[in-house]
Amino acid sequence: MQVVLCKASDLPEGAMKRFELMGYDVLAIHASGQYFALDAACTNKYADLSQGTLDLDRKVLVCQECRGSWDIATGEPKDSPAAFPLTVYEIVLTGEDLVLTFTY
């Protein structure tokens, strides 16, 4: 299922924003001129990853609570205690809209 998340202008470079889709929390990220989308819940503490930080040099998302990190392109854990990957979703810029392909 494809879902329009927001306008690209609502997600400036270096920003991230959480969306709830059918009971799932998805995090959209704009980094290095690309868009990424992944689960918004830490797999270790179930914390809200939209409250975490982006390390743009390493292209990782860091959990504010456990300090674990995940690759924003693959969802793979990079720093412990993160041990399980995040689901990655396809996100594309269509005109001025960010469109997510959501599978559940």
PDB file of N, CA and C in Angstrom:
ATOM      1  N   MET A   1       0.848  -1.169   0.000  1.00  0.00           N
ATOM      2  CA  MET A   1       0.000   0.000   0.000  1.00  0.00           C
ATOM      3  C   MET A   1       0.896   1.235   0.000  1.00  0.00           C
ATOM      4  N   GLN A   2       0.576   2.199  -0.852  1.00  0.00           N
ATOM      5  CA  GLN A   2       1.338   3.434  -0.891  1.00  0.00           C
ATOM      6  C   GLN A   2       0.593   4.528  -0.146  1.00  0.00           C
ATOM      7  N   VAL A   3       1.369   5.286   0.656  1.00  0.00           N
ATOM      8  CA  VAL A   3       0.800   6.327   1.502  1.00  0.00           C
ATOM      9  C   VAL A   3       1.610   7.608   1.324  1.00  0.00           C
ATOM     10  N   VAL A   4       0.937   8.724   1.099  1.00  0.00           N
ATOM     11  CA  VAL A   4       1.620  10.015   1.086  1.00  0.00           C
ATOM     12  C   VAL A   4       1.843  10.416   2.543  1.00  0.00           C
ATOM     13  N   LEU A   5       3.117  10.545   2.921  1.00  0.00           N
ATOM     14  CA  LEU A   5       3.437  10.908   4.301  1.00  0.00           C
ATOM     15  C   LEU A   5       3.308  12.406   4.538  1.00  0.00           C
ATOM     16  N   CYS A   6       3.938  13.185   3.648  1.00  0.00           N
ATOM     17  CA  CYS A   6       3.967  14.629   3.816  1.00  0.00           C
ATOM     18  C   CYS A   6       4.574  15.259   2.578  1.00  0.00           C
ATOM     19  N   LYS A   7       4.649  16.552   2.561  1.00  0.00           N
ATOM     20  CA  LYS A   7       5.364  17.279   1.521  1.00  0.00           C
ATOM     21  C   LYS A   7       6.860  17.203   1.847  1.00  0.00           C
ATOM     22  N   ALA A   8       7.685  17.160   0.825  1.00  0.00           N
ATOM     23  CA  ALA A   8       9.135  17.121   1.033  1.00  0.00           C
ATOM     24  C   ALA A   8       9.591  18.335   1.840  1.00  0.00           C
ATOM     25  N   SER A   9       8.946  19.457   1.658  1.00  0.00           N
ATOM     26  CA  SER A   9       9.318  20.675   2.392  1.00  0.00           C
ATOM     27  C   SER A   9       9.066  20.546   3.896  1.00  0.00           C
ATOM     28  N   ASP A  10       8.235  19.572   4.301  1.00  0.00           N
ATOM     29  CA  ASP A  10       7.971  19.337   5.724  1.00  0.00           C
ATOM     30  C   ASP A  10       9.082  18.520   6.392  1.00  0.00           C
ATOM     31  N   LEU A  11      10.029  18.029   5.581  1.00  0.00           N
ATOM     32  CA  LEU A  11      11.124  17.200   6.101  1.00  0.00           C
ATOM     33  C   LEU A  11      12.444  17.742   5.536  1.00  0.00           C
ATOM     34  N   PRO A  12      12.943  18.848   6.115  1.00  0.00           N
ATOM     35  CA  PRO A  12      14.169  19.458   5.588  1.00  0.00           C
ATOM     36  C   PRO A  12      15.401  18.569   5.806  1.00  0.00           C
ATOM     37  N   GLU A  13      16.451  18.871   5.100  1.00  0.00           N
ATOM     38  CA  GLU A  13      17.717  18.144   5.214  1.00  0.00           C
ATOM     39  C   GLU A  13      18.145  18.040   6.684  1.00  0.00           C
ATOM     40  N   GLY A  14      18.507  16.830   7.108  1.00  0.00           N
ATOM     41  CA  GLY A  14      18.961  16.582   8.472  1.00  0.00           C
ATOM     42  C   GLY A  14      17.846  16.355   9.481  1.00  0.00           C
ATOM     43  N   ALA A  15      16.598  16.335   8.995  1.00  0.00           N
ATOM     44  CA  ALA A  15      15.450  16.183   9.902  1.00  0.00           C
ATOM     45  C   ALA A  15      14.891  14.767   9.863  1.00  0.00           C
ATOM     46  N   MET A  16      14.117  14.460  10.902  1.00  0.00           N
ATOM     47  CA  MET A  16      13.371  13.208  10.943  1.00  0.00           C
ATOM     48  C   MET A  16      12.004  13.488  11.556  1.00  0.00           C
ATOM     49  N   LYS A  17      11.016  12.679  11.160  1.00  0.00           N
ATOM     50  CA  LYS A  17       9.642  12.896  11.617  1.00  0.00           C
ATOM     51  C   LYS A  17       8.948  11.547  11.730  1.00  0.00           C
ATOM     52  N   ARG A  18       8.210  11.375  12.824  1.00  0.00           N
ATOM     53  CA  ARG A  18       7.499  10.116  13.087  1.00  0.00           C
ATOM     54  C   ARG A  18       6.068  10.204  12.574  1.00  0.00           C
ATOM     55  N   PHE A  19       5.606   9.087  12.007  1.00  0.00           N
ATOM     56  CA  PHE A  19       4.240   8.965  11.507  1.00  0.00           C
ATOM     57  C   PHE A  19       3.647   7.678  12.050  1.00  0.00           C
ATOM     58  N   GLU A  20       2.342   7.694  12.337  1.00  0.00           N
ATOM     59  CA  GLU A  20       1.652   6.474  12.740  1.00  0.00           C
ATOM     60  C   GLU A  20       0.792   6.007  11.569  1.00  0.00           C
ATOM     61  N   LEU A  21       1.031   4.762  11.153  1.00  0.00           N
ATOM     62  CA  LEU A  21       0.280   4.177  10.045  1.00  0.00           C
ATOM     63  C   LEU A  21      -0.305   2.850  10.489  1.00  0.00           C
ATOM     64  N   MET A  22      -1.607   2.801  10.611  1.00  0.00           N
ATOM     65  CA  MET A  22      -2.310   1.567  10.969  1.00  0.00           C
ATOM     66  C   MET A  22      -1.720   0.919  12.228  1.00  0.00           C
ATOM     67  N   GLY A  23      -1.400   1.732  13.215  1.00  0.00           N
ATOM     68  CA  GLY A  23      -0.865   1.231  14.477  1.00  0.00           C
ATOM     69  C   GLY A  23       0.639   1.020  14.486  1.00  0.00           C
ATOM     70  N   TYR A  24       1.316   1.287  13.366  1.00  0.00           N
ATOM     71  CA  TYR A  24       2.771   1.157  13.287  1.00  0.00           C
ATOM     72  C   TYR A  24       3.396   2.549  13.315  1.00  0.00           C
ATOM     73  N   ASP A  25       4.495   2.677  14.026  1.00  0.00           N
ATOM     74  CA  ASP A  25       5.231   3.934  14.038  1.00  0.00           C
ATOM     75  C   ASP A  25       6.378   3.845  13.036  1.00  0.00           C
ATOM     76  N   VAL A  26       6.385   4.790  12.100  1.00  0.00           N
ATOM     77  CA  VAL A  26       7.386   4.831  11.039  1.00  0.00           C
ATOM     78  C   VAL A  26       8.116   6.164  11.139  1.00  0.00           C
ATOM     79  N   LEU A  27       9.425   6.113  10.967  1.00  0.00           N
ATOM     80  CA  LEU A  27      10.255   7.304  11.035  1.00  0.00           C
ATOM     81  C   LEU A  27      10.791   7.622   9.647  1.00  0.00           C
ATOM     82  N   ALA A  28      10.502   8.837   9.166  1.00  0.00           N
ATOM     83  CA  ALA A  28      11.044   9.309   7.890  1.00  0.00           C
ATOM     84  C   ALA A  28      12.230  10.208   8.186  1.00  0.00           C
ATOM     85  N   ILE A  29      13.291  10.045   7.397  1.00  0.00           N
ATOM     86  CA  ILE A  29      14.542  10.780   7.606  1.00  0.00           C
ATOM     87  C   ILE A  29      14.994  11.372   6.279  1.00  0.00           C
ATOM     88  N   HIS A  30      15.498  12.606   6.342  1.00  0.00           N
ATOM     89  CA  HIS A  30      16.098  13.242   5.165  1.00  0.00           C
ATOM     90  C   HIS A  30      17.561  13.499   5.514  1.00  0.00           C
ATOM     91  N   ALA A  31      18.454  12.752   4.874  1.00  0.00           N
ATOM     92  CA  ALA A  31      19.880  12.862   5.183  1.00  0.00           C
ATOM     93  C   ALA A  31      20.706  12.749   3.918  1.00  0.00           C
ATOM     94  N   SER A  32      21.659  13.629   3.770  1.00  0.00           N
ATOM     95  CA  SER A  32      22.587  13.612   2.631  1.00  0.00           C
ATOM     96  C   SER A  32      21.855  13.605   1.297  1.00  0.00           C
ATOM     97  N   GLY A  33      20.756  14.362   1.225  1.00  0.00           N
ATOM     98  CA  GLY A  33      20.007  14.471  -0.013  1.00  0.00           C
ATOM     99  C   GLY A  33      19.130  13.283  -0.348  1.00  0.00           C
ATOM    100  N   GLN A  34      19.039  12.310   0.554  1.00  0.00           N
ATOM    101  CA  GLN A  34      18.215  11.122   0.340  1.00  0.00           C
ATOM    102  C   GLN A  34      17.149  11.025   1.420  1.00  0.00           C
ATOM    103  N   TYR A  35      16.109  10.250   1.109  1.00  0.00           N
ATOM    104  CA  TYR A  35      15.047   9.989   2.080  1.00  0.00           C
ATOM    105  C   TYR A  35      15.102   8.530   2.494  1.00  0.00           C
ATOM    106  N   PHE A  36      14.854   8.297   3.781  1.00  0.00           N
ATOM    107  CA  PHE A  36      14.870   6.956   4.350  1.00  0.00           C
ATOM    108  C   PHE A  36      13.629   6.811   5.222  1.00  0.00           C
ATOM    109  N   ALA A  37      13.163   5.579   5.394  1.00  0.00           N
ATOM    110  CA  ALA A  37      12.034   5.321   6.293  1.00  0.00           C
ATOM    111  C   ALA A  37      12.257   3.980   6.976  1.00  0.00           C
ATOM    112  N   LEU A  38      12.075   3.971   8.304  1.00  0.00           N
ATOM    113  CA  LEU A  38      12.247   2.739   9.075  1.00  0.00           C
ATOM    114  C   LEU A  38      11.370   2.762  10.310  1.00  0.00           C
ATOM    115  N   ASP A  39      11.350   1.624  11.006  1.00  0.00           N
ATOM    116  CA  ASP A  39      10.578   1.555  12.247  1.00  0.00           C
ATOM    117  C   ASP A  39      11.030   2.667  13.185  1.00  0.00           C
ATOM    118  N   ALA A  40      10.095   3.192  13.953  1.00  0.00           N
ATOM    119  CA  ALA A  40      10.405   4.299  14.856  1.00  0.00           C
ATOM    120  C   ALA A  40      10.574   3.858  16.301  1.00  0.00           C
ATOM    121  N   ALA A  41      10.609   2.546  16.561  1.00  0.00           N
ATOM    122  CA  ALA A  41      10.740   2.053  17.933  1.00  0.00           C
ATOM    123  C   ALA A  41      12.058   1.303  18.100  1.00  0.00           C
ATOM    124  N   CYS A  42      12.795   1.656  19.122  1.00  0.00           N
ATOM    125  CA  CYS A  42      14.047   0.978  19.459  1.00  0.00           C
ATOM    126  C   CYS A  42      13.763  -0.502  19.720  1.00  0.00           C
ATOM    127  N   THR A  43      14.562  -1.382  19.154  1.00  0.00           N
ATOM    128  CA  THR A  43      14.353  -2.815  19.346  1.00  0.00           C
ATOM    129  C   THR A  43      14.901  -3.301  20.684  1.00  0.00           C
ATOM    130  N   ASN A  44      15.570  -2.422  21.416  1.00  0.00           N
ATOM    131  CA  ASN A  44      16.096  -2.792  22.729  1.00  0.00           C
ATOM    132  C   ASN A  44      15.206  -2.276  23.860  1.00  0.00           C
ATOM    133  N   LYS A  45      14.881  -0.990  23.844  1.00  0.00           N
ATOM    134  CA  LYS A  45      14.095  -0.366  24.915  1.00  0.00           C
ATOM    135  C   LYS A  45      12.695   0.044  24.476  1.00  0.00           C
ATOM    136  N   TYR A  46      12.365  -0.131  23.200  1.00  0.00           N
ATOM    137  CA  TYR A  46      11.079   0.298  22.628  1.00  0.00           C
ATOM    138  C   TYR A  46      10.860   1.799  22.789  1.00  0.00           C
ATOM    139  N   ALA A  47      11.960   2.543  22.888  1.00  0.00           N
ATOM    140  CA  ALA A  47      11.890   4.000  22.976  1.00  0.00           C
ATOM    141  C   ALA A  47      11.538   4.580  21.607  1.00  0.00           C
ATOM    142  N   ASP A  48      11.044   5.800  21.608  1.00  0.00           N
ATOM    143  CA  ASP A  48      10.687   6.508  20.387  1.00  0.00           C
ATOM    144  C   ASP A  48      11.972   7.020  19.731  1.00  0.00           C
ATOM    145  N   LEU A  49      12.338   6.432  18.589  1.00  0.00           N
ATOM    146  CA  LEU A  49      13.586   6.809  17.933  1.00  0.00           C
ATOM    147  C   LEU A  49      13.553   8.210  17.332  1.00  0.00           C
ATOM    148  N   SER A  50      12.363   8.798  17.193  1.00  0.00           N
ATOM    149  CA  SER A  50      12.307  10.178  16.702  1.00  0.00           C
ATOM    150  C   SER A  50      12.875  11.144  17.742  1.00  0.00           C
ATOM    151  N   GLN A  51      13.028  10.682  18.979  1.00  0.00           N
ATOM    152  CA  GLN A  51      13.637  11.488  20.045  1.00  0.00           C
ATOM    153  C   GLN A  51      15.145  11.285  20.103  1.00  0.00           C
ATOM    154  N   GLY A  52      15.658  10.387  19.257  1.00  0.00           N
ATOM    155  CA  GLY A  52      17.086  10.119  19.209  1.00  0.00           C
ATOM    156  C   GLY A  52      17.807  11.131  18.335  1.00  0.00           C
ATOM    157  N   THR A  53      19.004  10.774  17.917  1.00  0.00           N
ATOM    158  CA  THR A  53      19.809  11.681  17.105  1.00  0.00           C
ATOM    159  C   THR A  53      20.303  10.970  15.846  1.00  0.00           C
ATOM    160  N   LEU A  54      20.596  11.781  14.848  1.00  0.00           N
ATOM    161  CA  LEU A  54      21.187  11.274  13.613  1.00  0.00           C
ATOM    162  C   LEU A  54      22.682  11.561  13.642  1.00  0.00           C
ATOM    163  N   ASP A  55      23.476  10.558  13.343  1.00  0.00           N
ATOM    164  CA  ASP A  55      24.905  10.742  13.131  1.00  0.00           C
ATOM    165  C   ASP A  55      25.074  10.707  11.611  1.00  0.00           C
ATOM    166  N   LEU A  56      25.123  11.881  11.002  1.00  0.00           N
ATOM    167  CA  LEU A  56      25.143  11.967   9.544  1.00  0.00           C
ATOM    168  C   LEU A  56      26.461  11.479   8.953  1.00  0.00           C
ATOM    169  N   ASP A  57      27.547  11.567   9.700  1.00  0.00           N
ATOM    170  CA  ASP A  57      28.831  11.065   9.200  1.00  0.00           C
ATOM    171  C   ASP A  57      28.787   9.549   9.020  1.00  0.00           C
ATOM    172  N   ARG A  58      28.181   8.860   9.976  1.00  0.00           N
ATOM    173  CA  ARG A  58      28.093   7.395   9.928  1.00  0.00           C
ATOM    174  C   ARG A  58      26.797   6.900   9.296  1.00  0.00           C
ATOM    175  N   LYS A  59      25.851   7.819   9.056  1.00  0.00           N
ATOM    176  CA  LYS A  59      24.509   7.490   8.554  1.00  0.00           C
ATOM    177  C   LYS A  59      23.818   6.479   9.460  1.00  0.00           C
ATOM    178  N   VAL A  60      23.809   6.809  10.765  1.00  0.00           N
ATOM    179  CA  VAL A  60      23.132   5.968  11.742  1.00  0.00           C
ATOM    180  C   VAL A  60      22.169   6.804  12.573  1.00  0.00           C
ATOM    181  N   LEU A  61      21.165   6.123  13.092  1.00  0.00           N
ATOM    182  CA  LEU A  61      20.184   6.668  14.008  1.00  0.00           C
ATOM    183  C   LEU A  61      20.532   6.142  15.395  1.00  0.00           C
ATOM    184  N   VAL A  62      20.659   7.044  16.376  1.00  0.00           N
ATOM    185  CA  VAL A  62      21.078   6.667  17.723  1.00  0.00           C
ATOM    186  C   VAL A  62      19.908   6.844  18.688  1.00  0.00           C
ATOM    187  N   CYS A  63      19.602   5.790  19.443  1.00  0.00           N
ATOM    188  CA  CYS A  63      18.524   5.842  20.445  1.00  0.00           C
ATOM    189  C   CYS A  63      18.947   6.712  21.622  1.00  0.00           C
ATOM    190  N   GLN A  64      18.071   7.602  22.017  1.00  0.00           N
ATOM    191  CA  GLN A  64      18.335   8.495  23.137  1.00  0.00           C
ATOM    192  C   GLN A  64      18.434   7.723  24.455  1.00  0.00           C
ATOM    193  N   GLU A  65      17.704   6.628  24.590  1.00  0.00           N
ATOM    194  CA  GLU A  65      17.674   5.918  25.866  1.00  0.00           C
ATOM    195  C   GLU A  65      18.790   4.893  26.033  1.00  0.00           C
ATOM    196  N   CYS A  66      18.992   4.031  25.035  1.00  0.00           N
ATOM    197  CA  CYS A  66      19.975   2.948  25.207  1.00  0.00           C
ATOM    198  C   CYS A  66      21.308   3.240  24.526  1.00  0.00           C
ATOM    199  N   ARG A  67      21.344   4.269  23.661  1.00  0.00           N
ATOM    200  CA  ARG A  67      22.537   4.666  22.898  1.00  0.00           C
ATOM    201  C   ARG A  67      22.919   3.660  21.817  1.00  0.00           C
ATOM    202  N   GLY A  68      22.074   2.653  21.562  1.00  0.00           N
ATOM    203  CA  GLY A  68      22.294   1.751  20.439  1.00  0.00           C
ATOM    204  C   GLY A  68      22.060   2.515  19.143  1.00  0.00           C
ATOM    205  N   SER A  69      22.585   1.986  18.031  1.00  0.00           N
ATOM    206  CA  SER A  69      22.393   2.686  16.765  1.00  0.00           C
ATOM    207  C   SER A  69      22.114   1.704  15.633  1.00  0.00           C
ATOM    208  N   TRP A  70      21.454   2.234  14.576  1.00  0.00           N
ATOM    209  CA  TRP A  70      21.071   1.455  13.402  1.00  0.00           C
ATOM    210  C   TRP A  70      21.436   2.219  12.143  1.00  0.00           C
ATOM    211  N   ASP A  71      21.840   1.498  11.118  1.00  0.00           N
ATOM    212  CA  ASP A  71      22.113   2.068   9.805  1.00  0.00           C
ATOM    213  C   ASP A  71      20.784   2.553   9.219  1.00  0.00           C
ATOM    214  N   ILE A  72      20.719   3.813   8.774  1.00  0.00           N
ATOM    215  CA  ILE A  72      19.434   4.343   8.304  1.00  0.00           C
ATOM    216  C   ILE A  72      19.037   3.798   6.930  1.00  0.00           C
ATOM    217  N   ALA A  73      19.981   3.259   6.174  1.00  0.00           N
ATOM    218  CA  ALA A  73      19.656   2.709   4.855  1.00  0.00           C
ATOM    219  C   ALA A  73      19.233   1.249   4.921  1.00  0.00           C
ATOM    220  N   THR A  74      19.839   0.479   5.834  1.00  0.00           N
ATOM    221  CA  THR A  74      19.573  -0.966   5.886  1.00  0.00           C
ATOM    222  C   THR A  74      18.781  -1.394   7.110  1.00  0.00           C
ATOM    223  N   GLY A  75      18.755  -0.554   8.157  1.00  0.00           N
ATOM    224  CA  GLY A  75      18.093  -0.915   9.408  1.00  0.00           C
ATOM    225  C   GLY A  75      18.925  -1.830  10.293  1.00  0.00           C
ATOM    226  N   GLU A  76      20.124  -2.214   9.831  1.00  0.00           N
ATOM    227  CA  GLU A  76      20.971  -3.135  10.597  1.00  0.00           C
ATOM    228  C   GLU A  76      21.556  -2.447  11.830  1.00  0.00           C
ATOM    229  N   PRO A  77      21.624  -3.171  12.961  1.00  0.00           N
ATOM    230  CA  PRO A  77      22.223  -2.598  14.169  1.00  0.00           C
ATOM    231  C   PRO A  77      23.712  -2.343  13.961  1.00  0.00           C
ATOM    232  N   LYS A  78      24.192  -1.216  14.501  1.00  0.00           N
ATOM    233  CA  LYS A  78      25.598  -0.849  14.363  1.00  0.00           C
ATOM    234  C   LYS A  78      26.318  -0.812  15.700  1.00  0.00           C
ATOM    235  N   ASP A  79      25.656  -0.337  16.741  1.00  0.00           N
ATOM    236  CA  ASP A  79      26.266  -0.235  18.067  1.00  0.00           C
ATOM    237  C   ASP A  79      25.341  -0.868  19.089  1.00  0.00           C
ATOM    238  N   SER A  80      25.910  -1.691  19.977  1.00  0.00           N
ATOM    239  CA  SER A  80      25.100  -2.319  21.015  1.00  0.00           C
ATOM    240  C   SER A  80      24.653  -1.261  22.014  1.00  0.00           C
ATOM    241  N   PRO A  81      23.556  -1.523  22.676  1.00  0.00           N
ATOM    242  CA  PRO A  81      22.893  -2.804  22.800  1.00  0.00           C
ATOM    243  C   PRO A  81      21.907  -3.142  21.678  1.00  0.00           C
ATOM    244  N   ALA A  82      21.867  -2.346  20.610  1.00  0.00           N
ATOM    245  CA  ALA A  82      20.989  -2.691  19.481  1.00  0.00           C
ATOM    246  C   ALA A  82      21.433  -4.040  18.921  1.00  0.00           C
ATOM    247  N   ALA A  83      20.506  -4.991  18.872  1.00  0.00           N
ATOM    248  CA  ALA A  83      20.858  -6.338  18.411  1.00  0.00           C
ATOM    249  C   ALA A  83      19.963  -6.813  17.271  1.00  0.00           C
ATOM    250  N   PHE A  84      18.804  -6.196  17.135  1.00  0.00           N
ATOM    251  CA  PHE A  84      17.851  -6.611  16.110  1.00  0.00           C
ATOM    252  C   PHE A  84      17.647  -5.486  15.102  1.00  0.00           C
ATOM    253  N   PRO A  85      17.485  -5.816  13.827  1.00  0.00           N
ATOM    254  CA  PRO A  85      17.327  -4.773  12.809  1.00  0.00           C
ATOM    255  C   PRO A  85      15.963  -4.101  12.871  1.00  0.00           C
ATOM    256  N   LEU A  86      15.918  -2.895  12.328  1.00  0.00           N
ATOM    257  CA  LEU A  86      14.672  -2.172  12.140  1.00  0.00           C
ATOM    258  C   LEU A  86      14.155  -2.489  10.737  1.00  0.00           C
ATOM    259  N   THR A  87      12.850  -2.531  10.582  1.00  0.00           N
ATOM    260  CA  THR A  87      12.266  -2.706   9.257  1.00  0.00           C
ATOM    261  C   THR A  87      12.485  -1.428   8.455  1.00  0.00           C
ATOM    262  N   VAL A  88      12.921  -1.587   7.219  1.00  0.00           N
ATOM    263  CA  VAL A  88      13.133  -0.461   6.313  1.00  0.00           C
ATOM    264  C   VAL A  88      12.009  -0.465   5.287  1.00  0.00           C
ATOM    265  N   TYR A  89      11.486   0.719   4.996  1.00  0.00           N
ATOM    266  CA  TYR A  89      10.394   0.871   4.039  1.00  0.00           C
ATOM    267  C   TYR A  89      10.875   1.687   2.842  1.00  0.00           C
ATOM    268  N   GLU A  90      10.304   1.405   1.678  1.00  0.00           N
ATOM    269  CA  GLU A  90      10.633   2.187   0.490  1.00  0.00           C
ATOM    270  C   GLU A  90       9.946   3.543   0.584  1.00  0.00           C
ATOM    271  N   ILE A  91      10.716   4.601   0.346  1.00  0.00           N
ATOM    272  CA  ILE A  91      10.169   5.955   0.353  1.00  0.00           C
ATOM    273  C   ILE A  91      10.727   6.678  -0.861  1.00  0.00           C
ATOM    274  N   VAL A  92       9.851   7.354  -1.595  1.00  0.00           N
ATOM    275  CA  VAL A  92      10.276   8.058  -2.799  1.00  0.00           C
ATOM    276  C   VAL A  92       9.653   9.444  -2.839  1.00  0.00           C
ATOM    277  N   LEU A  93      10.338  10.336  -3.529  1.00  0.00           N
ATOM    278  CA  LEU A  93       9.822  11.672  -3.766  1.00  0.00           C
ATOM    279  C   LEU A  93       9.058  11.646  -5.085  1.00  0.00           C
ATOM    280  N   THR A  94       7.756  11.932  -5.011  1.00  0.00           N
ATOM    281  CA  THR A  94       6.895  11.957  -6.187  1.00  0.00           C
ATOM    282  C   THR A  94       6.319  13.360  -6.284  1.00  0.00           C
ATOM    283  N   GLY A  95       6.852  14.137  -7.221  1.00  0.00           N
ATOM    284  CA  GLY A  95       6.457  15.548  -7.281  1.00  0.00           C
ATOM    285  C   GLY A  95       6.973  16.229  -6.031  1.00  0.00           C
ATOM    286  N   GLU A  96       6.071  16.756  -5.234  1.00  0.00           N
ATOM    287  CA  GLU A  96       6.446  17.398  -3.968  1.00  0.00           C
ATOM    288  C   GLU A  96       6.122  16.516  -2.766  1.00  0.00           C
ATOM    289  N   ASP A  97       5.580  15.314  -3.007  1.00  0.00           N
ATOM    290  CA  ASP A  97       5.146  14.421  -1.927  1.00  0.00           C
ATOM    291  C   ASP A  97       6.167  13.337  -1.631  1.00  0.00           C
ATOM    292  N   LEU A  98       6.280  12.997  -0.360  1.00  0.00           N
ATOM    293  CA  LEU A  98       7.031  11.809   0.043  1.00  0.00           C
ATOM    294  C   LEU A  98       6.054  10.670   0.153  1.00  0.00           C
ATOM    295  N   VAL A  99       6.276   9.633  -0.651  1.00  0.00           N
ATOM    296  CA  VAL A  99       5.355   8.496  -0.733  1.00  0.00           C
ATOM    297  C   VAL A  99       6.050   7.256  -0.180  1.00  0.00           C
ATOM    298  N   LEU A 100       5.416   6.628   0.786  1.00  0.00           N
ATOM    299  CA  LEU A 100       5.952   5.443   1.444  1.00  0.00           C
ATOM    300  C   LEU A 100       5.201   4.211   0.963  1.00  0.00           C
ATOM    301  N   THR A 101       5.938   3.163   0.643  1.00  0.00           N
ATOM    302  CA  THR A 101       5.327   1.868   0.359  1.00  0.00           C
ATOM    303  C   THR A 101       5.306   1.137   1.680  1.00  0.00           C
ATOM    304  N   PHE A 102       4.097   0.952   2.221  1.00  0.00           N
ATOM    305  CA  PHE A 102       3.930   0.386   3.553  1.00  0.00           C
ATOM    306  C   PHE A 102       3.457  -1.044   3.458  1.00  0.00           C
ATOM    307  N   THR A 103       4.209  -1.938   4.046  1.00  0.00           N
ATOM    308  CA  THR A 103       3.812  -3.350   4.135  1.00  0.00           C
ATOM    309  C   THR A 103       3.771  -3.719   5.603  1.00  0.00           C
ATOM    310  N   TYR A 104       2.798  -4.516   5.976  1.00  0.00           N
ATOM    311  CA  TYR A 104       2.672  -4.909   7.382  1.00  0.00           C
ATOM    312  C   TYR A 104       2.372  -6.372   7.473  1.00  0.00           C
TER     313      TYR A 104
END
